[in-house]
Amino acid sequence: MTSPSAPVIAVFGAAGTVGRRVCELLAESGAVVRRVGRGDAAALARAFDGARVVVNAAGPLRDTAAAVLAAAIAAGAHYVDVGGEQAVLRALYEEHESAVRRAGLVALPGAGLDAAIGDLAAAWAAAHLVGADDAGEAVRSAPAPRLAEDHPLDEIAVSYAFDDLALSAGSQRSLFGELGARALVWRRDRWEAGRAGDHRRINAGPALGGERDAVGYAGGAVITIPRHVAAQLVASYVSVTRHPTAAAALRVMARALSLLPRRAGAALVPYVAPDADYGATQLAVVAQVRRGFQAAQIVVHGHDLYRTTAVVAAWSARCLAERRAGPVGLCAPGELWRAEPALRAIAGAADLTIEPSFG
């Protein structure tokens, strides 16, 4: 039952694949859910008035994130979105961080499988590798120091593996919009274009066929991780097939796509089968960190990337609605949450399993 004092959480894009799930999860938790459709800036500001948190679940985020964030700030609400689009995340951090901080609010873009799960898994593995003690509640009450600042890690790689992957129309539009854009990597102290056709071998576990090839991917965790973990290199990869021949073809395709103009994506029309079973998708997030001869890895297994993303977004929105103090501004997941307890809480709610390489 909803309490009269329960926080109001507005969900923009409530009728979409993820938005419906976010609304259901928030309602189950006792929050007052306000479903919001698309509109101009004035309409959004009115719709968000009185909300403690705004969740943006309408994609592609490149079309909605900036406007919805601005409306949330105008309404005095924290902002959470479900996107992991690399270019969008970078633009939000570079263009809106000061406005969010001046307002004393929090904006958490990338509260989904990518970037949040990869970000938190990498931060947990990094903390283990450097011997950092970050015990406590999942929600931080104060900013945390950047891990490995005085002795950066050599490498952080976050890889996403999928079997039986089914994508919604919104996800396809986001993917098509990235055609022709080479994935960014964090190298030493800046983002730069990765190598076309970059790939690595990962072990996604027996359920996903063990070792498989993953290709360079414009993952959101590449943007968020360097904010709270120092590393010489941060890169992201994706594998959508366990078959070596198909994986090799994808590497060739990745090189070819980098030569296409960005507008080519507009010519591709999303198609979603009427009986698409998103729950059949098997997934794994593999976070690997290395310094010299020392390494640590965390593998997160699950299914249904849309429900997983909805759980991350709903959990994040509830935490922000209920917290009394903590970091403000545009934040990465690892800046707002302590990696291990946050990832365990999300895993419990989303039916994920976590397999650290350490005890």
Protein backbone atom coordinates (compact mmCIF):
# COMPACT_ATOMS: atom_id res chain seq x y z
CA MET A 1 0.00 0.00 0.00
CA THR A 2 1.24 3.50 -0.84
CA SER A 3 1.95 5.75 2.14
CA PRO A 4 0.65 9.35 2.06
CA SER A 5 4.26 10.47 2.52
CA ALA A 6 5.66 8.20 -0.18
CA PRO A 7 7.92 9.97 -2.68
CA VAL A 8 6.59 10.85 -6.11
CA ILE A 9 8.70 9.36 -8.90
CA ALA A 10 7.88 10.48 -12.43
CA VAL A 11 8.59 8.02 -15.25
CA PHE A 12 9.04 9.51 -18.71
CA GLY A 13 8.45 6.89 -21.39
CA ALA A 14 6.23 4.85 -19.08
CA ALA A 15 4.55 3.01 -21.97
CA GLY A 16 7.79 1.63 -23.40
CA THR A 17 9.46 -1.77 -22.97
CA VAL A 18 11.56 -0.65 -19.98
CA GLY A 19 9.25 2.11 -18.75
CA ARG A 20 6.36 -0.27 -18.05
CA ARG A 21 8.63 -2.49 -16.00
CA VAL A 22 10.06 0.48 -14.07
CA CYS A 23 6.54 1.65 -13.18
CA GLU A 24 5.55 -1.80 -11.96
CA LEU A 25 8.65 -2.15 -9.79
CA LEU A 26 8.26 1.31 -8.27
CA ALA A 27 4.59 0.74 -7.52
CA GLU A 28 5.42 -2.55 -5.81
CA SER A 29 7.94 -0.69 -3.62
CA GLY A 30 5.29 1.77 -2.41
CA ALA A 31 6.34 4.81 -4.45
CA VAL A 32 3.79 7.14 -6.00
CA VAL A 33 4.35 6.68 -9.73
CA ARG A 34 3.52 9.46 -12.15
CA ARG A 35 3.46 8.29 -15.76
CA VAL A 36 4.57 10.98 -18.19
CA GLY A 37 4.29 11.07 -21.98
CA ARG A 38 6.30 13.11 -24.44
CA GLY A 39 5.85 16.89 -24.54
CA ASP A 40 7.62 20.23 -24.86
CA ALA A 41 9.81 21.75 -22.15
CA ALA A 42 6.94 23.56 -20.44
CA ALA A 43 4.75 20.47 -20.42
CA LEU A 44 7.55 18.35 -18.96
CA ALA A 45 8.30 20.87 -16.22
CA ARG A 46 4.62 20.82 -15.20
CA ALA A 47 4.50 17.02 -15.33
CA PHE A 48 7.59 16.73 -13.12
CA ASP A 49 6.47 19.34 -10.58
CA GLY A 50 6.53 17.88 -7.06
CA ALA A 51 8.42 14.74 -8.09
CA ARG A 52 11.41 13.68 -6.01
CA VAL A 53 13.00 11.76 -8.90
CA VAL A 54 12.49 11.64 -12.67
CA VAL A 55 13.26 8.40 -14.51
CA ASN A 56 13.85 8.79 -18.25
CA ALA A 57 13.00 5.49 -19.91
CA ALA A 58 12.34 6.89 -23.40
CA GLY A 59 14.90 6.11 -26.07
CA PRO A 60 16.92 6.78 -28.02
CA LEU A 61 18.45 8.84 -25.22
CA ARG A 62 20.26 11.03 -27.74
CA ASP A 63 16.79 12.45 -28.54
CA THR A 64 15.44 12.80 -25.00
CA ALA A 65 18.17 12.98 -22.36
CA ALA A 66 19.13 16.67 -22.47
CA ALA A 67 15.55 17.98 -22.54
CA VAL A 68 14.28 15.65 -19.82
CA LEU A 69 17.28 16.40 -17.61
CA ALA A 70 16.71 20.16 -18.00
CA ALA A 71 13.04 19.75 -17.08
CA ALA A 72 13.95 17.64 -14.04
CA ILE A 73 16.37 20.33 -12.85
CA ALA A 74 13.67 22.99 -13.33
CA ALA A 75 11.32 20.89 -11.19
CA GLY A 76 13.95 20.33 -8.48
CA ALA A 77 14.02 16.57 -9.07
CA HIS A 78 16.86 14.08 -9.26
CA TYR A 79 17.34 12.45 -12.67
CA VAL A 80 17.91 8.81 -13.62
CA ASP A 81 17.99 7.37 -17.12
CA VAL A 82 18.23 3.87 -18.55
CA GLY A 83 20.60 4.63 -21.44
CA GLY A 84 24.11 3.44 -22.02
CA GLU A 85 24.78 5.35 -25.23
CA GLN A 86 28.42 6.39 -25.03
CA ALA A 87 28.10 9.67 -26.90
CA VAL A 88 25.06 10.72 -24.85
CA LEU A 89 26.74 9.97 -21.54
CA ARG A 90 29.82 11.96 -22.49
CA ALA A 91 27.77 14.93 -23.65
CA LEU A 92 25.70 14.97 -20.45
CA TYR A 93 28.79 14.98 -18.24
CA GLU A 94 30.52 17.67 -20.28
CA GLU A 95 27.53 19.99 -20.79
CA HIS A 96 25.24 19.62 -17.76
CA GLU A 97 27.30 18.68 -14.70
CA SER A 98 27.66 22.22 -13.36
CA ALA A 99 23.92 22.92 -13.68
CA VAL A 100 23.03 19.76 -11.77
CA ARG A 101 25.60 20.51 -9.07
CA ARG A 102 24.44 24.14 -8.64
CA ALA A 103 20.90 22.86 -8.15
CA GLY A 104 22.08 20.51 -5.39
CA LEU A 105 20.64 17.56 -7.28
CA VAL A 106 21.86 14.23 -8.62
CA ALA A 107 21.77 13.08 -12.22
CA LEU A 108 22.53 9.42 -12.82
CA PRO A 109 22.62 8.56 -16.53
CA GLY A 110 23.30 4.99 -17.57
CA ALA A 111 21.27 3.30 -14.82
CA GLY A 112 20.86 0.00 -16.63
CA LEU A 113 22.79 -3.05 -17.72
CA ASP A 114 25.14 -0.69 -19.51
CA ALA A 115 26.57 1.24 -17.84
CA ALA A 116 25.64 0.56 -14.21
CA ILE A 117 26.24 -3.18 -13.95
CA GLY A 118 29.59 -2.96 -15.74
CA ASP A 119 30.59 0.12 -13.74
CA LEU A 120 29.83 -1.44 -10.36
CA ALA A 121 31.38 -4.81 -11.23
CA ALA A 122 34.60 -3.11 -12.39
CA ALA A 123 34.70 -0.92 -9.27
CA TRP A 124 34.27 -3.94 -6.99
CA ALA A 125 37.03 -5.87 -8.78
CA ALA A 126 39.30 -2.81 -8.69
CA ALA A 127 38.72 -2.29 -4.96
CA HIS A 128 39.72 -5.90 -4.33
CA LEU A 129 42.84 -5.60 -6.48
CA VAL A 130 44.11 -2.44 -4.76
CA GLY A 131 43.05 -3.55 -1.27
CA ALA A 132 40.62 -0.67 -0.73
CA ASP A 133 38.16 -0.93 2.15
CA ASP A 134 34.80 0.41 1.01
CA ALA A 135 32.54 -1.27 3.53
CA GLY A 136 29.23 0.30 4.49
CA GLU A 137 25.73 0.91 3.22
CA ALA A 138 25.09 0.69 -0.51
CA VAL A 139 24.13 4.38 -0.71
CA ARG A 140 27.08 6.68 -0.14
CA SER A 141 26.58 9.54 2.33
CA ALA A 142 29.76 11.34 1.20
CA PRO A 143 31.96 11.40 -1.91
CA ALA A 144 34.51 8.60 -2.14
CA PRO A 145 38.16 9.02 -3.18
CA ARG A 146 39.05 7.84 -6.69
CA LEU A 147 40.43 4.31 -6.54
CA ALA A 148 44.07 3.73 -7.56
CA GLU A 149 44.68 7.46 -8.00
CA ASP A 150 48.33 7.24 -6.93
CA HIS A 151 49.02 3.99 -8.85
CA PRO A 152 46.55 3.55 -11.73
CA LEU A 153 45.50 0.13 -12.93
CA ASP A 154 46.91 -1.00 -16.26
CA GLU A 155 43.60 -2.04 -17.76
CA ILE A 156 39.87 -2.29 -17.17
CA ALA A 157 37.76 -4.20 -19.70
CA VAL A 158 33.98 -4.54 -19.45
CA SER A 159 32.47 -7.06 -21.85
CA TYR A 160 28.83 -7.93 -22.51
CA ALA A 161 27.87 -11.37 -23.83
CA PHE A 162 24.41 -12.31 -25.12
CA ASP A 163 22.74 -15.44 -26.44
CA ASP A 164 19.30 -15.34 -28.09
CA LEU A 165 19.41 -11.55 -28.04
CA ALA A 166 16.10 -9.81 -28.80
CA LEU A 167 16.07 -6.02 -29.07
CA SER A 168 13.17 -3.60 -28.76
CA ALA A 169 12.52 -0.97 -31.41
CA GLY A 170 14.02 1.72 -29.15
CA SER A 171 17.21 -0.27 -28.63
CA GLN A 172 17.51 -0.82 -32.37
CA ARG A 173 17.14 2.91 -33.04
CA SER A 174 19.90 3.61 -30.52
CA LEU A 175 22.10 1.00 -32.17
CA PHE A 176 21.41 2.26 -35.70
CA GLY A 177 22.18 5.81 -34.59
CA GLU A 178 25.69 4.75 -33.60
CA LEU A 179 26.55 3.39 -37.05
CA GLY A 180 29.71 5.08 -38.29
CA ALA A 181 30.81 6.12 -34.79
CA ARG A 182 33.95 4.40 -33.57
CA ALA A 183 33.89 3.26 -29.96
CA LEU A 184 35.75 5.48 -27.50
CA VAL A 185 38.29 4.09 -25.06
CA TRP A 186 39.86 5.82 -22.06
CA ARG A 187 43.61 5.92 -22.59
CA ARG A 188 45.80 7.41 -19.86
CA ASP A 189 43.96 10.66 -19.20
CA ARG A 190 41.49 11.18 -22.04
CA TRP A 191 38.95 9.53 -24.30
CA GLU A 192 40.05 8.66 -27.80
CA ALA A 193 38.76 6.56 -30.68
CA GLY A 194 39.44 2.85 -30.29
CA ARG A 195 40.87 0.70 -33.04
CA ALA A 196 38.40 -0.47 -35.68
CA GLY A 197 37.80 -4.20 -35.29
CA ASP A 198 39.35 -4.35 -31.80
CA HIS A 199 38.48 -7.61 -30.05
CA ARG A 200 39.38 -9.86 -27.11
CA ARG A 201 38.65 -13.33 -25.77
CA ILE A 202 36.37 -13.54 -22.78
CA ASN A 203 34.98 -16.39 -20.71
CA ALA A 204 31.28 -15.76 -20.15
CA GLY A 205 30.79 -19.02 -18.25
CA PRO A 206 29.44 -22.46 -19.24
CA ALA A 207 25.85 -21.23 -19.71
CA LEU A 208 27.03 -18.96 -22.53
CA GLY A 209 29.50 -21.37 -24.10
CA GLY A 210 32.65 -20.59 -22.12
CA GLU A 211 35.33 -18.73 -24.08
CA ARG A 212 34.13 -16.56 -26.96
CA ASP A 213 35.25 -13.60 -29.01
CA ALA A 214 34.03 -10.07 -28.20
CA VAL A 215 34.41 -6.99 -30.41
CA GLY A 216 35.01 -3.39 -29.44
CA TYR A 217 31.80 -1.69 -28.36
CA ALA A 218 30.77 1.89 -27.53
CA GLY A 219 29.82 0.99 -23.97
CA GLY A 220 28.72 3.57 -21.43
CA ALA A 221 30.95 2.16 -18.69
CA VAL A 222 33.96 3.57 -20.57
CA ILE A 223 32.60 7.03 -19.77
CA THR A 224 31.62 6.38 -16.14
CA ILE A 225 34.45 4.23 -14.76
CA PRO A 226 37.32 6.76 -15.10
CA ARG A 227 35.40 9.12 -12.82
CA HIS A 228 36.03 6.87 -9.82
CA VAL A 229 38.76 4.39 -10.82
CA ALA A 230 42.13 5.45 -12.24
CA ALA A 231 43.38 3.27 -15.09
CA GLN A 232 45.68 3.54 -18.08
CA LEU A 233 43.07 1.93 -20.34
CA VAL A 234 39.30 1.42 -20.05
CA ALA A 235 37.54 -0.32 -22.93
CA SER A 236 34.26 -2.12 -23.58
CA TYR A 237 33.39 -5.14 -25.73
CA VAL A 238 30.31 -7.08 -26.81
CA SER A 239 29.70 -10.65 -27.99
CA VAL A 240 26.39 -11.70 -29.51
CA THR A 241 27.47 -15.12 -30.79
CA ARG A 242 29.51 -18.00 -29.42
CA HIS A 243 30.40 -19.31 -32.90
CA PRO A 244 33.96 -18.42 -34.03
CA THR A 245 33.06 -17.98 -37.71
CA ALA A 246 30.22 -15.59 -36.94
CA ALA A 247 32.42 -13.72 -34.46
CA ALA A 248 35.07 -13.24 -37.14
CA ALA A 249 32.39 -11.87 -39.49
CA LEU A 250 31.31 -9.40 -36.82
CA ARG A 251 34.89 -8.12 -36.53
CA VAL A 252 34.94 -7.45 -40.26
CA MET A 253 31.53 -5.77 -40.00
CA ALA A 254 32.76 -3.58 -37.14
CA ARG A 255 35.59 -2.32 -39.33
CA ALA A 256 33.19 -1.63 -42.20
CA LEU A 257 30.65 0.20 -40.03
CA SER A 258 33.30 2.68 -38.92
CA LEU A 259 33.49 3.85 -42.56
CA LEU A 260 29.75 4.55 -42.90
CA PRO A 261 28.34 8.06 -42.49
CA ARG A 262 26.37 8.60 -39.29
CA ARG A 263 23.19 9.37 -41.29
CA ALA A 264 23.19 5.80 -42.64
CA GLY A 265 21.46 4.65 -39.47
CA ALA A 266 18.38 6.69 -40.32
CA ALA A 267 17.73 4.45 -43.32
CA LEU A 268 17.41 1.33 -41.16
CA VAL A 269 13.94 0.58 -39.82
CA PRO A 270 13.57 -1.30 -36.51
CA TYR A 271 11.73 -4.59 -36.64
CA VAL A 272 10.46 -6.41 -33.58
CA ALA A 273 8.79 -9.81 -33.96
CA PRO A 274 5.25 -9.79 -32.50
CA ASP A 275 6.17 -12.68 -30.22
CA ALA A 276 9.60 -11.38 -29.17
CA ASP A 277 10.61 -13.11 -25.94
CA TYR A 278 12.98 -10.76 -24.14
CA GLY A 279 13.14 -13.14 -21.18
CA ALA A 280 14.87 -15.76 -23.34
CA THR A 281 17.98 -13.61 -23.70
CA GLN A 282 20.89 -15.01 -21.71
CA LEU A 283 23.45 -12.39 -20.69
CA ALA A 284 26.74 -11.98 -18.90
CA VAL A 285 28.74 -8.92 -17.90
CA VAL A 286 32.45 -9.66 -17.53
CA ALA A 287 34.50 -7.00 -15.69
CA GLN A 288 38.26 -7.58 -15.77
CA VAL A 289 40.89 -5.40 -14.08
CA ARG A 290 44.66 -5.77 -14.21
CA ARG A 291 47.72 -4.18 -12.69
CA GLY A 292 51.02 -5.79 -13.65
CA PHE A 293 50.74 -9.51 -12.98
CA GLN A 294 47.74 -9.10 -10.66
CA ALA A 295 44.20 -9.42 -11.98
CA ALA A 296 40.64 -9.69 -10.71
CA GLN A 297 37.40 -10.47 -12.48
CA ILE A 298 33.69 -10.38 -11.74
CA VAL A 299 31.13 -12.07 -13.97
CA VAL A 300 27.45 -11.22 -13.59
CA HIS A 301 24.97 -13.66 -15.19
CA GLY A 302 21.30 -13.13 -15.87
CA HIS A 303 18.55 -13.01 -18.47
CA ASP A 304 16.20 -10.40 -19.97
CA LEU A 305 18.27 -7.26 -20.37
CA TYR A 306 15.13 -5.07 -20.21
CA ARG A 307 13.95 -6.35 -16.85
CA THR A 308 17.52 -6.09 -15.55
CA THR A 309 17.73 -2.49 -16.71
CA ALA A 310 14.33 -1.72 -15.18
CA VAL A 311 15.47 -3.14 -11.83
CA VAL A 312 18.63 -1.00 -11.87
CA ALA A 313 16.67 2.16 -12.72
CA ALA A 314 13.90 1.53 -10.18
CA TRP A 315 16.38 0.63 -7.41
CA SER A 316 18.43 3.76 -8.17
CA ALA A 317 15.36 5.99 -8.18
CA ARG A 318 14.16 4.63 -4.84
CA CYS A 319 17.58 5.11 -3.27
CA LEU A 320 17.76 8.72 -4.44
CA ALA A 321 14.20 9.41 -3.30
CA GLU A 322 14.91 8.10 0.19
CA ARG A 323 18.46 9.27 0.88
CA ARG A 324 19.09 12.23 3.19
CA ALA A 325 22.60 13.25 2.13
CA GLY A 326 25.30 12.29 -0.30
CA PRO A 327 27.24 13.33 -3.40
CA VAL A 328 25.54 15.75 -5.80
CA GLY A 329 26.03 16.55 -9.47
CA LEU A 330 26.17 14.32 -12.50
CA CYS A 331 27.46 11.07 -11.05
CA ALA A 332 28.62 7.66 -12.16
CA PRO A 333 27.06 4.64 -10.41
CA GLY A 334 30.28 3.99 -8.49
CA GLU A 335 30.28 7.58 -7.21
CA LEU A 336 26.78 7.25 -5.74
CA TRP A 337 26.76 3.62 -4.61
CA ARG A 338 29.27 1.34 -2.91
CA ALA A 339 30.00 -1.26 -5.54
CA GLU A 340 29.71 -4.58 -3.69
CA PRO A 341 26.56 -3.96 -1.59
CA ALA A 342 24.85 -2.12 -4.46
CA LEU A 343 25.58 -4.87 -6.96
CA ARG A 344 24.42 -7.54 -4.50
CA ALA A 345 21.18 -5.64 -3.86
CA ILE A 346 20.49 -5.24 -7.57
CA ALA A 347 21.38 -8.87 -8.24
CA GLY A 348 18.90 -10.05 -5.63
CA ALA A 349 16.11 -7.99 -7.17
CA ALA A 350 16.93 -8.86 -10.80
CA ASP A 351 17.69 -12.57 -10.30
CA LEU A 352 21.35 -12.16 -11.27
CA THR A 353 24.25 -14.31 -10.11
CA ILE A 354 27.66 -12.84 -9.29
CA GLU A 355 30.87 -14.80 -9.68
CA PRO A 356 34.00 -13.03 -8.38
CA SER A 357 37.39 -14.55 -9.16
CA PHE A 358 38.29 -13.89 -5.52
CA GLY A 359 36.77 -14.97 -2.22
